Amino acid sequence: MRNRLLPDYSLDPRLDHWPRSLSGLAGDMPCMDRYYTGRLLTYDEKYQEADAHLSYAFTNCDPQAHGNKRRILRYLIPVSASFFTPRHESSHDTLPSANAAGQ
């Protein structure tokens, strides 16, 4: 007995040109998977892992996909910048103190 709520697409002639497996559709899937994994790792504050995934996505992205590269860089730049910590020098070391100048 056929389920009347769900249409039967197996006999639809319009779907004959569709690929039978997803292997033909997997061109940008690894890149997209790494992008979203990197985003999730960024939210979990796992920056080293996120950097690896986002860097892979950026280098393996289609060179003509400027929008995709921009989206990847939106997360990759802050994650990469988190590895570089500025050196904070105290002002006491670089400037003479007021007491030393008065003496």
N, C-alpha and C. Protein backbone atom coordinates (compact mmCIF):
# COMPACT_ATOMS: atom_id res chain seq x y z
N MET A 1 0.84 -1.17 0.00
CA MET A 1 0.00 0.00 0.00
C MET A 1 0.89 1.25 0.00
N ARG A 2 0.62 2.18 -0.83
CA ARG A 2 1.40 3.40 -0.99
C ARG A 2 0.94 4.46 0.00
N ASN A 3 1.88 5.17 0.57
CA ASN A 3 1.56 6.25 1.48
C ASN A 3 1.04 7.43 0.67
N ARG A 4 -0.16 7.89 0.96
CA ARG A 4 -0.77 8.97 0.19
C ARG A 4 -0.24 10.34 0.60
N LEU A 5 0.38 10.45 1.77
CA LEU A 5 0.89 11.74 2.21
C LEU A 5 2.18 12.12 1.50
N LEU A 6 2.99 11.13 1.17
CA LEU A 6 4.27 11.39 0.52
C LEU A 6 4.17 11.05 -0.96
N PRO A 7 4.56 11.94 -1.85
CA PRO A 7 4.50 11.64 -3.28
C PRO A 7 5.56 10.61 -3.66
N ASP A 8 5.27 9.84 -4.68
CA ASP A 8 6.18 8.83 -5.16
C ASP A 8 7.04 9.43 -6.27
N TYR A 9 8.29 9.78 -5.94
CA TYR A 9 9.17 10.40 -6.91
C TYR A 9 9.96 9.40 -7.74
N SER A 10 9.83 8.14 -7.43
CA SER A 10 10.63 7.15 -8.16
C SER A 10 10.18 7.02 -9.61
N LEU A 11 8.95 7.38 -9.92
CA LEU A 11 8.43 7.28 -11.29
C LEU A 11 8.42 8.60 -12.02
N ASP A 12 8.93 9.64 -11.41
CA ASP A 12 8.91 10.97 -12.01
C ASP A 12 9.99 11.07 -13.09
N PRO A 13 9.65 11.30 -14.37
CA PRO A 13 10.66 11.35 -15.43
C PRO A 13 11.54 12.60 -15.36
N ARG A 14 11.13 13.62 -14.65
CA ARG A 14 11.94 14.83 -14.55
C ARG A 14 13.20 14.60 -13.71
N LEU A 15 13.24 13.57 -12.91
CA LEU A 15 14.37 13.33 -12.02
C LEU A 15 15.38 12.36 -12.61
N ASP A 16 15.24 11.99 -13.88
CA ASP A 16 16.17 11.03 -14.48
C ASP A 16 17.57 11.60 -14.65
N HIS A 17 17.72 12.90 -14.78
CA HIS A 17 19.04 13.49 -14.98
C HIS A 17 19.81 13.69 -13.67
N TRP A 18 19.18 13.48 -12.54
CA TRP A 18 19.85 13.67 -11.25
C TRP A 18 20.84 12.55 -11.02
N PRO A 19 21.97 12.86 -10.36
CA PRO A 19 22.94 11.77 -10.08
C PRO A 19 22.36 10.80 -9.05
N ARG A 20 22.68 9.55 -9.24
CA ARG A 20 22.18 8.52 -8.33
C ARG A 20 22.95 8.48 -7.02
N SER A 21 24.18 9.00 -7.01
CA SER A 21 24.95 9.04 -5.78
C SER A 21 25.42 10.47 -5.54
N LEU A 22 25.86 10.75 -4.36
CA LEU A 22 26.32 12.09 -4.03
C LEU A 22 27.80 12.30 -4.34
N SER A 23 28.46 11.32 -4.93
CA SER A 23 29.89 11.46 -5.20
C SER A 23 30.17 12.57 -6.20
N GLY A 24 29.26 12.83 -7.12
CA GLY A 24 29.46 13.89 -8.08
C GLY A 24 29.24 15.28 -7.51
N LEU A 25 28.64 15.37 -6.35
CA LEU A 25 28.34 16.66 -5.75
C LEU A 25 29.35 17.08 -4.69
N ALA A 26 30.37 16.30 -4.48
CA ALA A 26 31.28 16.52 -3.36
C ALA A 26 32.45 17.44 -3.69
N GLY A 27 32.34 18.31 -4.68
CA GLY A 27 33.45 19.17 -5.07
C GLY A 27 33.89 20.12 -3.98
N ASP A 28 33.00 20.94 -3.44
CA ASP A 28 33.35 21.91 -2.41
C ASP A 28 32.93 21.47 -1.01
N MET A 29 32.45 20.26 -0.88
CA MET A 29 31.97 19.80 0.42
C MET A 29 33.06 19.75 1.48
N PRO A 30 34.28 19.26 1.20
CA PRO A 30 35.31 19.27 2.25
C PRO A 30 35.66 20.68 2.70
N CYS A 31 35.69 21.61 1.77
CA CYS A 31 36.01 23.01 2.11
C CYS A 31 34.90 23.59 2.98
N MET A 32 33.66 23.34 2.61
CA MET A 32 32.53 23.86 3.38
C MET A 32 32.47 23.23 4.77
N ASP A 33 32.77 21.93 4.84
CA ASP A 33 32.77 21.25 6.13
C ASP A 33 33.84 21.82 7.05
N ARG A 34 35.03 22.07 6.51
CA ARG A 34 36.11 22.63 7.33
C ARG A 34 35.76 24.06 7.78
N TYR A 35 35.09 24.83 6.92
CA TYR A 35 34.69 26.19 7.28
C TYR A 35 33.74 26.18 8.48
N TYR A 36 32.69 25.37 8.40
CA TYR A 36 31.73 25.33 9.50
C TYR A 36 32.32 24.70 10.76
N THR A 37 33.20 23.72 10.60
CA THR A 37 33.86 23.15 11.77
C THR A 37 34.75 24.19 12.44
N GLY A 38 35.47 24.98 11.63
CA GLY A 38 36.29 26.06 12.18
C GLY A 38 35.48 27.11 12.89
N ARG A 39 34.30 27.42 12.36
CA ARG A 39 33.42 28.39 13.03
C ARG A 39 32.98 27.87 14.39
N LEU A 40 32.58 26.61 14.43
CA LEU A 40 32.14 26.03 15.70
C LEU A 40 33.28 25.99 16.71
N LEU A 41 34.46 25.65 16.26
CA LEU A 41 35.61 25.61 17.17
C LEU A 41 35.97 27.01 17.66
N THR A 42 35.72 28.02 16.84
CA THR A 42 35.95 29.40 17.27
C THR A 42 35.01 29.75 18.41
N TYR A 43 33.76 29.37 18.29
CA TYR A 43 32.80 29.66 19.35
C TYR A 43 33.12 28.89 20.63
N ASP A 44 33.75 27.72 20.48
CA ASP A 44 34.16 26.92 21.64
C ASP A 44 35.51 27.34 22.19
N GLU A 45 36.11 28.38 21.61
CA GLU A 45 37.40 28.94 22.01
C GLU A 45 38.54 27.93 21.89
N LYS A 46 38.47 27.08 20.88
CA LYS A 46 39.55 26.15 20.55
C LYS A 46 40.25 26.72 19.31
N TYR A 47 41.08 27.73 19.54
CA TYR A 47 41.59 28.54 18.45
C TYR A 47 42.62 27.84 17.58
N GLN A 48 43.43 26.96 18.14
CA GLN A 48 44.43 26.26 17.32
C GLN A 48 43.75 25.32 16.33
N GLU A 49 42.75 24.59 16.80
CA GLU A 49 42.02 23.70 15.91
C GLU A 49 41.23 24.49 14.88
N ALA A 50 40.63 25.60 15.31
CA ALA A 50 39.86 26.44 14.40
C ALA A 50 40.76 27.02 13.32
N ASP A 51 41.97 27.41 13.70
CA ASP A 51 42.92 27.96 12.73
C ASP A 51 43.28 26.92 11.67
N ALA A 52 43.47 25.69 12.08
CA ALA A 52 43.81 24.63 11.13
C ALA A 52 42.66 24.40 10.14
N HIS A 53 41.44 24.34 10.63
CA HIS A 53 40.29 24.09 9.76
C HIS A 53 40.03 25.27 8.83
N LEU A 54 40.08 26.48 9.36
CA LEU A 54 39.81 27.66 8.53
C LEU A 54 40.92 27.89 7.51
N SER A 55 42.15 27.60 7.89
CA SER A 55 43.25 27.74 6.93
C SER A 55 43.10 26.75 5.78
N TYR A 56 42.70 25.52 6.10
CA TYR A 56 42.45 24.53 5.05
C TYR A 56 41.34 25.00 4.12
N ALA A 57 40.26 25.50 4.71
CA ALA A 57 39.13 25.97 3.90
C ALA A 57 39.55 27.12 3.00
N PHE A 58 40.38 28.03 3.51
CA PHE A 58 40.79 29.18 2.71
C PHE A 58 41.71 28.77 1.57
N THR A 59 42.66 27.90 1.82
CA THR A 59 43.60 27.52 0.77
C THR A 59 42.97 26.60 -0.27
N ASN A 60 41.96 25.84 0.09
CA ASN A 60 41.34 24.91 -0.85
C ASN A 60 40.03 25.43 -1.44
N CYS A 61 39.67 26.65 -1.12
CA CYS A 61 38.45 27.24 -1.66
C CYS A 61 38.67 27.60 -3.13
N ASP A 62 37.62 27.61 -3.89
CA ASP A 62 37.69 27.99 -5.30
C ASP A 62 38.22 29.41 -5.42
N PRO A 63 39.26 29.64 -6.23
CA PRO A 63 39.85 30.98 -6.33
C PRO A 63 38.88 32.05 -6.83
N GLN A 64 37.87 31.65 -7.56
CA GLN A 64 36.90 32.61 -8.08
C GLN A 64 35.76 32.90 -7.10
N ALA A 65 35.69 32.16 -6.00
CA ALA A 65 34.61 32.33 -5.01
C ALA A 65 35.02 33.39 -4.00
N HIS A 66 34.95 34.65 -4.41
CA HIS A 66 35.40 35.75 -3.56
C HIS A 66 34.53 35.90 -2.31
N GLY A 67 33.24 35.64 -2.43
CA GLY A 67 32.36 35.73 -1.26
C GLY A 67 32.69 34.67 -0.22
N ASN A 68 33.01 33.47 -0.68
CA ASN A 68 33.37 32.40 0.26
C ASN A 68 34.68 32.72 0.96
N LYS A 69 35.65 33.25 0.21
CA LYS A 69 36.93 33.61 0.83
C LYS A 69 36.74 34.72 1.86
N ARG A 70 35.87 35.67 1.57
CA ARG A 70 35.59 36.75 2.51
C ARG A 70 34.95 36.21 3.79
N ARG A 71 34.03 35.25 3.65
CA ARG A 71 33.40 34.65 4.83
C ARG A 71 34.42 33.89 5.68
N ILE A 72 35.32 33.18 5.02
CA ILE A 72 36.34 32.43 5.75
C ILE A 72 37.27 33.39 6.49
N LEU A 73 37.67 34.47 5.81
CA LEU A 73 38.58 35.43 6.43
C LEU A 73 37.94 36.16 7.61
N ARG A 74 36.62 36.28 7.60
CA ARG A 74 35.92 36.92 8.71
C ARG A 74 36.20 36.20 10.03
N TYR A 75 36.46 34.90 9.98
CA TYR A 75 36.79 34.14 11.18
C TYR A 75 38.28 33.84 11.28
N LEU A 76 38.94 33.68 10.15
CA LEU A 76 40.35 33.29 10.16
C LEU A 76 41.25 34.41 10.69
N ILE A 77 40.98 35.65 10.35
CA ILE A 77 41.84 36.75 10.79
C ILE A 77 41.82 36.91 12.31
N PRO A 78 40.65 36.97 12.96
CA PRO A 78 40.67 37.09 14.43
C PRO A 78 41.28 35.88 15.13
N VAL A 79 41.04 34.68 14.58
CA VAL A 79 41.62 33.48 15.19
C VAL A 79 43.14 33.51 15.08
N SER A 80 43.64 33.88 13.91
CA SER A 80 45.10 33.95 13.73
C SER A 80 45.70 35.07 14.57
N ALA A 81 44.99 36.16 14.72
CA ALA A 81 45.50 37.28 15.51
C ALA A 81 45.53 36.94 17.00
N SER A 82 44.73 35.97 17.43
CA SER A 82 44.71 35.61 18.84
C SER A 82 46.01 34.93 19.28
N PHE A 83 46.80 34.43 18.31
CA PHE A 83 48.07 33.80 18.66
C PHE A 83 49.16 34.82 18.96
N PHE A 84 49.00 36.03 18.49
CA PHE A 84 50.02 37.07 18.69
C PHE A 84 49.60 37.96 19.83
N THR A 85 50.33 37.90 20.91
CA THR A 85 50.02 38.74 22.05
C THR A 85 51.01 39.89 22.08
N PRO A 86 50.52 41.10 22.20
CA PRO A 86 51.44 42.25 22.23
C PRO A 86 52.23 42.28 23.53
N ARG A 87 53.43 42.78 23.43
CA ARG A 87 54.27 42.90 24.62
C ARG A 87 53.92 44.20 25.31
N HIS A 88 53.53 44.09 26.54
CA HIS A 88 53.18 45.27 27.33
C HIS A 88 54.39 45.65 28.18
N GLU A 89 54.96 46.77 27.86
CA GLU A 89 56.06 47.26 28.67
C GLU A 89 55.50 48.30 29.63
N SER A 90 55.96 48.25 30.83
CA SER A 90 55.45 49.22 31.79
C SER A 90 56.01 50.60 31.47
N SER A 91 55.27 51.59 31.79
CA SER A 91 55.71 52.96 31.50
C SER A 91 56.89 53.36 32.40
N HIS A 92 57.11 52.63 33.48
CA HIS A 92 58.22 52.93 34.38
C HIS A 92 59.57 52.66 33.73
N ASP A 93 59.61 51.69 32.82
CA ASP A 93 60.87 51.32 32.19
C ASP A 93 61.27 52.29 31.08
N THR A 94 60.31 52.91 30.44
CA THR A 94 60.64 53.72 29.27
C THR A 94 60.68 55.21 29.56
N LEU A 95 59.95 55.68 30.55
CA LEU A 95 59.92 57.10 30.86
C LEU A 95 60.57 57.37 32.21
N PRO A 96 61.29 58.44 32.32
CA PRO A 96 61.87 58.76 33.64
C PRO A 96 60.75 59.16 34.59
N SER A 97 60.91 58.79 35.83
CA SER A 97 59.88 59.14 36.82
C SER A 97 59.96 60.61 37.18
N ALA A 98 58.91 61.11 37.76
CA ALA A 98 58.85 62.54 38.11
C ALA A 98 59.83 62.86 39.26
N ASN A 99 60.01 61.90 40.17
CA ASN A 99 60.95 62.13 41.28
C ASN A 99 62.39 62.21 40.80
N ALA A 100 62.74 61.37 39.82
CA ALA A 100 64.11 61.37 39.32
C ALA A 100 64.41 62.65 38.55
N ALA A 101 63.44 63.22 37.91
CA ALA A 101 63.66 64.45 37.13
C ALA A 101 63.81 65.65 38.06
N GLY A 102 63.15 65.60 39.22
CA GLY A 102 63.22 66.72 40.15
C GLY A 102 64.47 66.73 40.98
N GLN A 103 65.17 65.64 41.06
CA GLN A 103 66.35 65.58 41.92
C GLN A 103 67.58 66.07 41.26
